[in-house]
């Protein structure tokens, strides 16, 4: 993340999540900007797939994914935890995720029909992870 206010917002939710969850962020570097867009997406996608572990369940964030409200998202995460799988979320770069990545995962989620910058999408994801954790803990954060 390059923009200071997105860095600060992400750090805020990472800190809140650190009290109750083990959170690991892996940042895949953008591919060479001189490459054609599809080649960039393919290379970035290969790097994302390479960095996932066998016990991870990769969940892609894409505008064409399934929309869940916050309670449904919390339930989704609860079911994943019960299965013993570790959720691993992929937020694409400036051009999104490669088709082979999107087609190779079990779950693709969206934050509604609008597109967001990858920096903002990351902050939204972190806030929703925190909100889901609070819902599952029975706190009053979500009302």
N, C-alpha and C. Protein backbone atom coordinates (compact mmCIF):
# COMPACT_ATOMS: atom_id res chain seq x y z
N UNK A 1 0.84 -1.17 0.00
CA UNK A 1 0.00 0.00 0.00
C UNK A 1 0.89 1.24 0.00
N UNK A 2 0.59 2.13 -0.89
CA UNK A 2 1.43 3.32 -1.04
C UNK A 2 0.81 4.56 -0.40
N UNK A 3 -0.51 4.60 -0.32
CA UNK A 3 -1.18 5.80 0.17
C UNK A 3 -1.25 5.78 1.69
N UNK A 4 -0.72 6.84 2.35
CA UNK A 4 -0.64 6.83 3.82
C UNK A 4 -1.98 6.62 4.53
N UNK A 5 -3.07 7.22 4.05
CA UNK A 5 -4.33 7.04 4.78
C UNK A 5 -4.86 5.62 4.66
N UNK A 6 -4.58 4.92 3.56
CA UNK A 6 -4.99 3.51 3.45
C UNK A 6 -4.09 2.66 4.35
N UNK A 7 -2.81 2.99 4.43
CA UNK A 7 -1.90 2.28 5.32
C UNK A 7 -2.38 2.40 6.77
N UNK A 8 -2.76 3.62 7.16
CA UNK A 8 -3.22 3.85 8.53
C UNK A 8 -4.52 3.09 8.81
N UNK A 9 -5.45 3.12 7.86
CA UNK A 9 -6.72 2.43 8.04
C UNK A 9 -6.50 0.92 8.15
N UNK A 10 -5.65 0.37 7.30
CA UNK A 10 -5.36 -1.07 7.35
C UNK A 10 -4.71 -1.42 8.69
N UNK A 11 -3.74 -0.63 9.11
CA UNK A 11 -3.05 -0.88 10.38
C UNK A 11 -4.02 -0.85 11.56
N UNK A 12 -5.00 0.03 11.51
CA UNK A 12 -6.01 0.12 12.57
C UNK A 12 -6.74 -1.21 12.72
N UNK A 13 -7.20 -1.80 11.63
CA UNK A 13 -7.95 -3.06 11.71
C UNK A 13 -7.03 -4.24 11.97
N UNK A 14 -5.83 -4.22 11.45
CA UNK A 14 -4.88 -5.30 11.76
C UNK A 14 -4.62 -5.34 13.26
N UNK A 15 -4.46 -4.17 13.88
CA UNK A 15 -4.24 -4.11 15.32
C UNK A 15 -5.44 -4.66 16.07
N UNK A 16 -6.65 -4.26 15.67
CA UNK A 16 -7.86 -4.75 16.34
C UNK A 16 -8.00 -6.26 16.20
N UNK A 17 -7.69 -6.77 15.01
CA UNK A 17 -7.80 -8.21 14.78
C UNK A 17 -6.75 -9.00 15.56
N UNK A 18 -5.59 -8.39 15.80
CA UNK A 18 -4.49 -9.11 16.44
C UNK A 18 -4.81 -9.55 17.86
N UNK A 19 -5.82 -8.95 18.48
CA UNK A 19 -6.19 -9.34 19.85
C UNK A 19 -6.93 -10.68 19.89
N UNK A 20 -7.53 -11.06 18.77
CA UNK A 20 -8.35 -12.28 18.80
C UNK A 20 -8.04 -13.29 17.70
N UNK A 21 -7.35 -12.86 16.66
CA UNK A 21 -7.06 -13.75 15.54
C UNK A 21 -5.59 -13.70 15.17
N UNK A 22 -5.12 -14.79 14.60
CA UNK A 22 -3.79 -14.79 14.00
C UNK A 22 -3.98 -14.35 12.56
N UNK A 23 -3.40 -13.23 12.22
CA UNK A 23 -3.55 -12.68 10.88
C UNK A 23 -2.17 -12.56 10.25
N UNK A 24 -2.06 -13.10 9.08
CA UNK A 24 -0.80 -12.99 8.33
C UNK A 24 -1.12 -12.37 6.99
N UNK A 25 -0.42 -11.29 6.69
CA UNK A 25 -0.61 -10.65 5.39
C UNK A 25 0.60 -10.95 4.51
N UNK A 26 0.31 -11.43 3.33
CA UNK A 26 1.36 -11.69 2.34
C UNK A 26 1.05 -10.80 1.15
N UNK A 27 1.97 -9.95 0.83
CA UNK A 27 1.77 -9.01 -0.26
C UNK A 27 2.55 -9.51 -1.48
N UNK A 28 1.82 -9.82 -2.53
CA UNK A 28 2.46 -10.25 -3.78
C UNK A 28 2.81 -8.99 -4.57
N UNK A 29 4.01 -8.92 -5.02
CA UNK A 29 4.44 -7.75 -5.79
C UNK A 29 3.73 -7.69 -7.13
N UNK A 30 3.45 -6.48 -7.57
CA UNK A 30 2.88 -6.28 -8.89
C UNK A 30 3.87 -6.75 -9.95
N UNK A 31 3.36 -7.25 -11.03
CA UNK A 31 4.22 -7.63 -12.16
C UNK A 31 4.73 -6.37 -12.85
N UNK A 32 5.68 -6.54 -13.70
CA UNK A 32 6.30 -5.44 -14.44
C UNK A 32 5.23 -4.64 -15.19
N UNK A 33 5.12 -3.33 -14.92
CA UNK A 33 4.09 -2.52 -15.58
C UNK A 33 4.28 -2.40 -17.10
N UNK A 34 5.46 -2.76 -17.60
CA UNK A 34 5.69 -2.70 -19.05
C UNK A 34 5.02 -3.87 -19.78
N UNK A 35 4.62 -4.90 -19.04
CA UNK A 35 3.97 -6.06 -19.65
C UNK A 35 2.54 -5.72 -20.06
N UNK A 36 2.02 -6.43 -21.06
CA UNK A 36 0.60 -6.27 -21.39
C UNK A 36 -0.27 -6.66 -20.19
N UNK A 37 -1.44 -6.08 -20.09
CA UNK A 37 -2.31 -6.26 -18.92
C UNK A 37 -2.57 -7.74 -18.62
N UNK A 38 -2.94 -8.53 -19.61
CA UNK A 38 -3.25 -9.94 -19.35
C UNK A 38 -2.03 -10.69 -18.85
N UNK A 39 -0.87 -10.40 -19.38
CA UNK A 39 0.36 -11.06 -18.92
C UNK A 39 0.66 -10.66 -17.47
N UNK A 40 0.43 -9.40 -17.13
CA UNK A 40 0.62 -8.95 -15.75
C UNK A 40 -0.29 -9.74 -14.82
N UNK A 41 -1.56 -9.86 -15.20
CA UNK A 41 -2.52 -10.57 -14.36
C UNK A 41 -2.13 -12.04 -14.20
N UNK A 42 -1.66 -12.65 -15.27
CA UNK A 42 -1.25 -14.06 -15.22
C UNK A 42 -0.06 -14.23 -14.27
N UNK A 43 0.92 -13.35 -14.37
CA UNK A 43 2.09 -13.46 -13.49
C UNK A 43 1.74 -13.19 -12.04
N UNK A 44 0.91 -12.18 -11.81
CA UNK A 44 0.48 -11.90 -10.44
C UNK A 44 -0.32 -13.07 -9.88
N UNK A 45 -1.19 -13.65 -10.71
CA UNK A 45 -1.99 -14.80 -10.29
C UNK A 45 -1.13 -16.00 -9.94
N UNK A 46 -0.11 -16.25 -10.73
CA UNK A 46 0.79 -17.38 -10.46
C UNK A 46 1.49 -17.18 -9.12
N UNK A 47 1.86 -15.96 -8.83
CA UNK A 47 2.51 -15.66 -7.55
C UNK A 47 1.55 -15.87 -6.38
N UNK A 48 0.29 -15.45 -6.55
CA UNK A 48 -0.72 -15.67 -5.51
C UNK A 48 -0.90 -17.16 -5.26
N UNK A 49 -1.06 -17.93 -6.31
CA UNK A 49 -1.27 -19.38 -6.16
C UNK A 49 -0.05 -20.05 -5.54
N UNK A 50 1.13 -19.59 -5.87
CA UNK A 50 2.37 -20.17 -5.34
C UNK A 50 2.49 -19.93 -3.83
N UNK A 51 1.93 -18.81 -3.36
CA UNK A 51 2.08 -18.45 -1.95
C UNK A 51 1.02 -19.07 -1.04
N UNK A 52 0.04 -19.77 -1.60
CA UNK A 52 -0.96 -20.43 -0.75
C UNK A 52 -0.41 -21.78 -0.28
N UNK A 53 -0.84 -22.17 0.90
CA UNK A 53 -0.40 -23.42 1.51
C UNK A 53 -1.49 -24.48 1.37
N UNK A 54 -1.15 -25.75 1.57
CA UNK A 54 -2.14 -26.83 1.40
C UNK A 54 -3.37 -26.70 2.31
N UNK A 55 -3.20 -26.14 3.51
CA UNK A 55 -4.36 -26.01 4.41
C UNK A 55 -5.13 -24.72 4.20
N UNK A 56 -4.71 -23.90 3.23
CA UNK A 56 -5.42 -22.66 2.91
C UNK A 56 -6.59 -22.94 1.98
N UNK A 57 -7.64 -22.18 2.16
CA UNK A 57 -8.71 -22.15 1.17
C UNK A 57 -8.71 -20.74 0.61
N UNK A 58 -8.37 -20.65 -0.66
CA UNK A 58 -8.22 -19.35 -1.31
C UNK A 58 -9.60 -18.79 -1.65
N UNK A 59 -9.81 -17.56 -1.25
CA UNK A 59 -11.06 -16.86 -1.50
C UNK A 59 -10.69 -15.58 -2.24
N UNK A 60 -11.19 -15.45 -3.46
CA UNK A 60 -10.87 -14.28 -4.26
C UNK A 60 -11.92 -13.20 -4.08
N UNK A 61 -11.46 -11.97 -4.06
CA UNK A 61 -12.35 -10.83 -4.04
C UNK A 61 -12.40 -10.27 -5.44
N UNK A 62 -13.60 -10.24 -6.00
CA UNK A 62 -13.78 -9.81 -7.38
C UNK A 62 -15.19 -9.24 -7.52
N UNK A 63 -15.33 -8.22 -8.34
CA UNK A 63 -16.65 -7.59 -8.48
C UNK A 63 -17.71 -8.55 -9.00
N UNK A 64 -17.32 -9.64 -9.62
CA UNK A 64 -18.28 -10.63 -10.11
C UNK A 64 -18.58 -11.72 -9.10
N UNK A 65 -18.03 -11.62 -7.89
CA UNK A 65 -18.23 -12.65 -6.88
C UNK A 65 -19.57 -12.55 -6.19
N UNK A 66 -19.77 -13.45 -5.24
CA UNK A 66 -21.02 -13.52 -4.48
C UNK A 66 -21.04 -12.41 -3.43
N UNK A 67 -22.18 -11.76 -3.31
CA UNK A 67 -22.37 -10.73 -2.30
C UNK A 67 -22.93 -11.36 -1.02
N UNK A 68 -22.31 -11.06 0.10
CA UNK A 68 -22.79 -11.51 1.40
C UNK A 68 -22.97 -10.30 2.30
N UNK A 69 -24.01 -10.32 3.13
CA UNK A 69 -24.07 -9.27 4.14
C UNK A 69 -23.09 -9.66 5.26
N UNK A 70 -22.91 -8.79 6.23
CA UNK A 70 -21.89 -9.02 7.26
C UNK A 70 -22.17 -10.25 8.10
N UNK A 71 -23.43 -10.51 8.43
CA UNK A 71 -23.75 -11.71 9.21
C UNK A 71 -23.49 -12.98 8.40
N UNK A 72 -23.84 -12.97 7.13
CA UNK A 72 -23.59 -14.14 6.28
C UNK A 72 -22.09 -14.35 6.11
N UNK A 73 -21.33 -13.27 6.02
CA UNK A 73 -19.88 -13.37 5.93
C UNK A 73 -19.31 -14.00 7.21
N UNK A 74 -19.81 -13.58 8.36
CA UNK A 74 -19.38 -14.16 9.63
C UNK A 74 -19.70 -15.66 9.67
N UNK A 75 -20.89 -16.04 9.24
CA UNK A 75 -21.27 -17.46 9.20
C UNK A 75 -20.36 -18.24 8.25
N UNK A 76 -20.06 -17.65 7.10
CA UNK A 76 -19.16 -18.25 6.13
C UNK A 76 -17.80 -18.53 6.77
N UNK A 77 -17.26 -17.54 7.48
CA UNK A 77 -15.95 -17.71 8.13
C UNK A 77 -16.02 -18.76 9.24
N UNK A 78 -17.14 -18.80 9.95
CA UNK A 78 -17.32 -19.79 11.01
C UNK A 78 -17.31 -21.21 10.43
N UNK A 79 -17.99 -21.39 9.31
CA UNK A 79 -18.01 -22.71 8.65
C UNK A 79 -16.61 -23.11 8.17
N UNK A 80 -15.86 -22.15 7.65
CA UNK A 80 -14.49 -22.45 7.22
C UNK A 80 -13.64 -22.87 8.40
N UNK A 81 -13.77 -22.16 9.52
CA UNK A 81 -12.99 -22.49 10.72
C UNK A 81 -13.33 -23.89 11.20
N UNK A 82 -14.61 -24.24 11.17
CA UNK A 82 -15.04 -25.57 11.61
C UNK A 82 -14.49 -26.67 10.70
N UNK A 83 -14.24 -26.34 9.45
CA UNK A 83 -13.72 -27.33 8.51
C UNK A 83 -12.22 -27.54 8.66
N UNK A 84 -11.58 -26.69 9.46
CA UNK A 84 -10.14 -26.81 9.65
C UNK A 84 -9.32 -26.11 8.59
N UNK A 85 -9.98 -25.48 7.65
CA UNK A 85 -9.27 -24.76 6.59
C UNK A 85 -8.94 -23.34 7.05
N UNK A 86 -7.86 -22.80 6.54
CA UNK A 86 -7.46 -21.43 6.84
C UNK A 86 -7.87 -20.55 5.67
N UNK A 87 -8.75 -19.57 5.93
CA UNK A 87 -9.13 -18.69 4.82
C UNK A 87 -7.95 -17.84 4.39
N UNK A 88 -7.77 -17.75 3.11
CA UNK A 88 -6.70 -16.95 2.51
C UNK A 88 -7.36 -16.09 1.43
N UNK A 89 -7.40 -14.80 1.66
CA UNK A 89 -8.09 -13.90 0.75
C UNK A 89 -7.11 -13.29 -0.25
N UNK A 90 -7.54 -13.22 -1.49
CA UNK A 90 -6.73 -12.61 -2.54
C UNK A 90 -7.45 -11.37 -3.06
N UNK A 91 -6.76 -10.25 -2.94
CA UNK A 91 -7.23 -8.99 -3.51
C UNK A 91 -6.32 -8.73 -4.70
N UNK A 92 -6.89 -8.59 -5.87
CA UNK A 92 -6.10 -8.39 -7.07
C UNK A 92 -5.43 -7.03 -7.11
N UNK A 93 -4.53 -6.90 -8.03
CA UNK A 93 -3.85 -5.64 -8.26
C UNK A 93 -4.72 -4.67 -9.04
N UNK A 94 -4.10 -3.70 -9.65
CA UNK A 94 -4.86 -2.64 -10.33
C UNK A 94 -5.75 -3.15 -11.45
N UNK A 95 -5.42 -4.29 -12.05
CA UNK A 95 -6.22 -4.84 -13.14
C UNK A 95 -7.05 -6.05 -12.70
N UNK A 96 -7.08 -6.33 -11.40
CA UNK A 96 -7.86 -7.45 -10.91
C UNK A 96 -7.08 -8.76 -10.97
N UNK A 97 -7.81 -9.85 -10.86
CA UNK A 97 -7.22 -11.18 -10.82
C UNK A 97 -7.35 -11.88 -12.16
N UNK A 98 -6.39 -12.72 -12.47
CA UNK A 98 -6.40 -13.49 -13.71
C UNK A 98 -7.55 -14.49 -13.70
N UNK A 99 -8.08 -14.76 -14.87
CA UNK A 99 -9.20 -15.69 -15.01
C UNK A 99 -8.86 -17.07 -14.45
N UNK A 100 -7.62 -17.55 -14.65
CA UNK A 100 -7.27 -18.89 -14.14
C UNK A 100 -7.29 -18.94 -12.62
N UNK A 101 -6.98 -17.82 -11.96
CA UNK A 101 -7.06 -17.77 -10.50
C UNK A 101 -8.52 -17.80 -10.09
N UNK A 102 -9.34 -16.96 -10.70
CA UNK A 102 -10.76 -16.89 -10.35
C UNK A 102 -11.47 -18.23 -10.57
N UNK A 103 -11.07 -18.97 -11.60
CA UNK A 103 -11.73 -20.24 -11.91
C UNK A 103 -11.18 -21.41 -11.09
N UNK A 104 -10.05 -21.20 -10.39
CA UNK A 104 -9.45 -22.30 -9.64
C UNK A 104 -9.82 -22.29 -8.16
N UNK A 105 -10.64 -21.33 -7.74
CA UNK A 105 -10.96 -21.24 -6.32
C UNK A 105 -12.41 -21.67 -6.06
N UNK A 106 -12.66 -22.07 -4.82
CA UNK A 106 -14.00 -22.51 -4.44
C UNK A 106 -14.93 -21.34 -4.16
N UNK A 107 -14.36 -20.20 -3.77
CA UNK A 107 -15.19 -19.07 -3.37
C UNK A 107 -14.66 -17.76 -3.97
N UNK A 108 -15.58 -17.02 -4.54
CA UNK A 108 -15.27 -15.67 -5.02
C UNK A 108 -16.33 -14.75 -4.42
N UNK A 109 -15.88 -13.75 -3.69
CA UNK A 109 -16.78 -12.82 -3.02
C UNK A 109 -16.62 -11.42 -3.60
N UNK A 110 -17.67 -10.62 -3.42
CA UNK A 110 -17.66 -9.22 -3.87
C UNK A 110 -18.13 -8.34 -2.73
N UNK A 111 -17.72 -7.09 -2.79
CA UNK A 111 -18.21 -6.07 -1.86
C UNK A 111 -19.27 -5.24 -2.56
N UNK A 112 -20.14 -5.89 -3.30
CA UNK A 112 -21.18 -5.20 -4.04
C UNK A 112 -20.78 -5.04 -5.49
N UNK A 113 -21.65 -4.43 -6.28
CA UNK A 113 -21.39 -4.34 -7.71
C UNK A 113 -20.36 -3.28 -8.13
N UNK A 114 -19.97 -2.43 -7.20
CA UNK A 114 -18.99 -1.38 -7.55
C UNK A 114 -17.57 -1.93 -7.52
N UNK A 115 -16.70 -1.26 -8.25
CA UNK A 115 -15.27 -1.57 -8.21
C UNK A 115 -14.59 -0.65 -7.21
N UNK A 116 -13.59 -1.18 -6.53
CA UNK A 116 -12.81 -0.39 -5.58
C UNK A 116 -11.33 -0.56 -5.91
N UNK A 117 -10.54 0.42 -5.54
CA UNK A 117 -9.09 0.27 -5.69
C UNK A 117 -8.66 -0.90 -4.81
N UNK A 118 -7.55 -1.54 -5.15
CA UNK A 118 -7.10 -2.68 -4.36
C UNK A 118 -6.74 -2.24 -2.94
N UNK A 119 -6.29 -1.00 -2.76
CA UNK A 119 -5.97 -0.52 -1.42
C UNK A 119 -7.25 -0.38 -0.58
N UNK A 120 -8.28 0.19 -1.16
CA UNK A 120 -9.54 0.34 -0.44
C UNK A 120 -10.18 -1.02 -0.19
N UNK A 121 -10.12 -1.92 -1.16
CA UNK A 121 -10.67 -3.27 -0.99
C UNK A 121 -10.00 -3.98 0.18
N UNK A 122 -8.71 -3.78 0.33
CA UNK A 122 -7.99 -4.40 1.44
C UNK A 122 -8.50 -3.86 2.78
N UNK A 123 -8.71 -2.56 2.86
CA UNK A 123 -9.23 -1.97 4.10
C UNK A 123 -10.64 -2.48 4.38
N UNK A 124 -11.48 -2.54 3.36
CA UNK A 124 -12.84 -3.06 3.53
C UNK A 124 -12.78 -4.51 4.01
N UNK A 125 -11.92 -5.32 3.42
CA UNK A 125 -11.78 -6.71 3.84
C UNK A 125 -11.39 -6.79 5.32
N UNK A 126 -10.40 -6.01 5.72
CA UNK A 126 -9.96 -6.05 7.11
C UNK A 126 -11.08 -5.63 8.06
N UNK A 127 -11.83 -4.59 7.69
CA UNK A 127 -12.93 -4.16 8.54
C UNK A 127 -13.99 -5.24 8.62
N UNK A 128 -14.30 -5.89 7.51
CA UNK A 128 -15.31 -6.95 7.52
C UNK A 128 -14.83 -8.18 8.29
N UNK A 129 -13.54 -8.48 8.25
CA UNK A 129 -13.00 -9.56 9.07
C UNK A 129 -13.16 -9.21 10.55
N UNK A 130 -12.87 -7.97 10.91
CA UNK A 130 -13.04 -7.54 12.29
C UNK A 130 -14.52 -7.59 12.68
N UNK A 131 -15.39 -7.10 11.81
CA UNK A 131 -16.83 -7.10 12.09
C UNK A 131 -17.32 -8.55 12.26
N UNK A 132 -16.87 -9.46 11.40
CA UNK A 132 -17.28 -10.86 11.51
C UNK A 132 -16.80 -11.46 12.83
N UNK A 133 -15.59 -11.15 13.22
CA UNK A 133 -15.07 -11.66 14.48
C UNK A 133 -15.91 -11.14 15.64
N UNK A 134 -16.30 -9.90 15.59
CA UNK A 134 -17.13 -9.30 16.64
C UNK A 134 -18.54 -9.89 16.64
N UNK A 135 -19.09 -10.15 15.46
CA UNK A 135 -20.41 -10.80 15.38
C UNK A 135 -20.34 -12.18 16.03
N UNK A 136 -19.32 -12.95 15.68
CA UNK A 136 -19.19 -14.31 16.21
C UNK A 136 -18.91 -14.30 17.71
N UNK A 137 -18.29 -13.22 18.20
CA UNK A 137 -18.03 -13.11 19.64
C UNK A 137 -19.23 -12.59 20.41
N UNK A 138 -20.26 -12.14 19.68
CA UNK A 138 -21.46 -11.64 20.34
C UNK A 138 -21.33 -10.23 20.88
N UNK A 139 -20.37 -9.47 20.38
CA UNK A 139 -20.21 -8.09 20.85
C UNK A 139 -21.24 -7.19 20.20
N UNK A 140 -21.30 -5.96 20.65
CA UNK A 140 -22.26 -5.01 20.10
C UNK A 140 -21.72 -4.19 18.95
N UNK A 141 -20.54 -4.54 18.43
CA UNK A 141 -19.95 -3.75 17.34
C UNK A 141 -20.88 -3.69 16.13
N UNK A 142 -21.48 -4.82 15.80
CA UNK A 142 -22.40 -4.86 14.64
C UNK A 142 -23.83 -4.76 15.17
N UNK A 143 -24.51 -3.71 14.78
CA UNK A 143 -25.91 -3.57 15.21
C UNK A 143 -26.73 -2.91 14.13
